[in-house]
Protein backbone atom coordinates (compact mmCIF):
# COMPACT_ATOMS: atom_id res chain seq x y z
CA MET A 1 -21.06 57.31 -64.41
CA GLU A 2 -18.00 56.86 -65.11
CA ARG A 3 -16.74 54.38 -68.08
CA ILE A 4 -12.84 53.28 -67.61
CA GLN A 5 -12.42 50.62 -70.60
CA GLY A 6 -11.16 47.33 -69.28
CA SER A 7 -12.19 48.01 -66.25
CA GLY A 8 -15.83 48.77 -65.85
CA THR A 9 -18.48 51.16 -65.08
CA TYR A 10 -18.16 53.66 -61.73
CA VAL A 11 -20.46 56.17 -60.01
CA ARG A 12 -18.46 59.43 -60.10
CA SER A 13 -17.51 61.04 -56.77
CA GLN A 14 -20.54 64.08 -56.46
CA THR A 15 -17.23 66.60 -55.86
CA ALA A 16 -15.45 65.89 -58.65
CA VAL A 17 -18.75 66.98 -61.22
CA GLN A 18 -19.96 70.07 -60.07
CA PRO A 19 -21.86 72.12 -62.55
CA LYS A 20 -21.22 75.58 -62.93
CA SER A 21 -23.04 78.11 -60.76
CA HIS A 22 -24.77 81.32 -62.49
CA THR A 23 -25.96 82.65 -59.47
CA VAL A 24 -23.47 85.62 -57.60
CA GLY A 25 -24.59 86.40 -54.04
CA VAL A 26 -25.14 89.92 -52.62
CA ILE A 27 -24.59 90.85 -49.46
CA THR A 28 -25.32 94.57 -47.84
CA THR A 29 -26.94 96.15 -44.55
CA TYR A 30 -29.98 97.38 -45.87
CA ILE A 31 -31.98 96.99 -49.23
CA SER A 32 -34.46 100.14 -48.82
CA GLU A 33 -31.78 102.32 -48.44
CA HIS A 34 -31.23 105.74 -50.27
CA ILE A 35 -28.89 104.42 -52.86
CA PHE A 36 -29.53 101.07 -52.73
CA PRO A 37 -32.20 100.42 -54.83
CA GLU A 38 -29.88 102.16 -57.93
CA ILE A 39 -26.80 99.88 -57.07
CA PHE A 40 -28.88 96.79 -57.57
CA GLN A 41 -30.58 97.44 -60.37
CA GLY A 42 -26.84 98.28 -61.92
CA ILE A 43 -26.04 95.06 -60.42
CA ASP A 44 -29.06 92.64 -61.88
CA ASN A 45 -28.45 94.70 -65.62
CA ALA A 46 -24.78 93.68 -65.78
CA PHE A 47 -25.27 90.17 -64.49
CA SER A 48 -28.20 89.44 -66.61
CA GLU A 49 -26.29 90.24 -69.44
CA TYR A 50 -24.02 87.57 -69.01
CA TRP A 51 -27.02 85.39 -68.08
CA TYR A 52 -25.76 85.40 -64.37
CA MET A 53 -28.59 85.89 -61.04
CA PRO A 54 -27.61 88.09 -58.76
CA LEU A 55 -29.17 86.86 -55.31
CA VAL A 56 -29.52 89.86 -52.98
CA PHE A 57 -29.35 89.45 -49.04
CA ALA A 58 -30.03 92.36 -46.52
CA THR A 59 -27.92 91.46 -42.67
CA ARG A 60 -30.07 94.42 -41.62
CA ASN A 61 -26.23 94.80 -39.60
CA SER A 62 -26.62 91.51 -37.89
CA VAL A 63 -23.52 89.62 -37.39
CA LYS A 64 -25.57 86.35 -36.35
CA LYS A 65 -27.64 86.79 -39.38
CA GLU A 66 -24.33 87.67 -41.86
CA ARG A 67 -23.30 84.40 -40.57
CA SER A 68 -26.04 82.53 -41.82
CA ILE A 69 -26.58 84.19 -44.88
CA VAL A 70 -22.71 83.20 -45.64
CA SER A 71 -23.44 79.59 -44.85
CA LEU A 72 -26.50 79.29 -46.77
CA THR A 73 -24.19 80.48 -50.01
CA ILE A 74 -21.85 77.97 -49.67
CA ASP A 75 -24.21 75.45 -48.96
CA ARG A 76 -26.23 76.54 -52.05
CA LYS A 77 -22.94 76.28 -54.16
CA VAL A 78 -23.17 80.47 -55.17
CA LEU A 79 -20.45 81.46 -57.03
CA LYS A 80 -18.89 84.21 -55.58
CA VAL A 81 -20.08 86.55 -52.76
CA ILE A 82 -20.20 90.77 -52.69
CA LYS A 83 -20.04 92.24 -49.68
């Protein structure tokens, strides 16, 4: 709601007010490969220090799955996607 003196009260557009997202998307091919667990631990440590939450996705080298993940992150208003 937005009040404008002398004019009335209006419902503000949903696109005008968007809460800041504290979610960061991380897209990778596989999660369990030898180096990825350490990398994800580092990502989690770095983001949690600033109250950000990483959201991790694995594509398994599927372009179709990657497109689906990217669409999902846009719909969910993920702050940033790291690939």
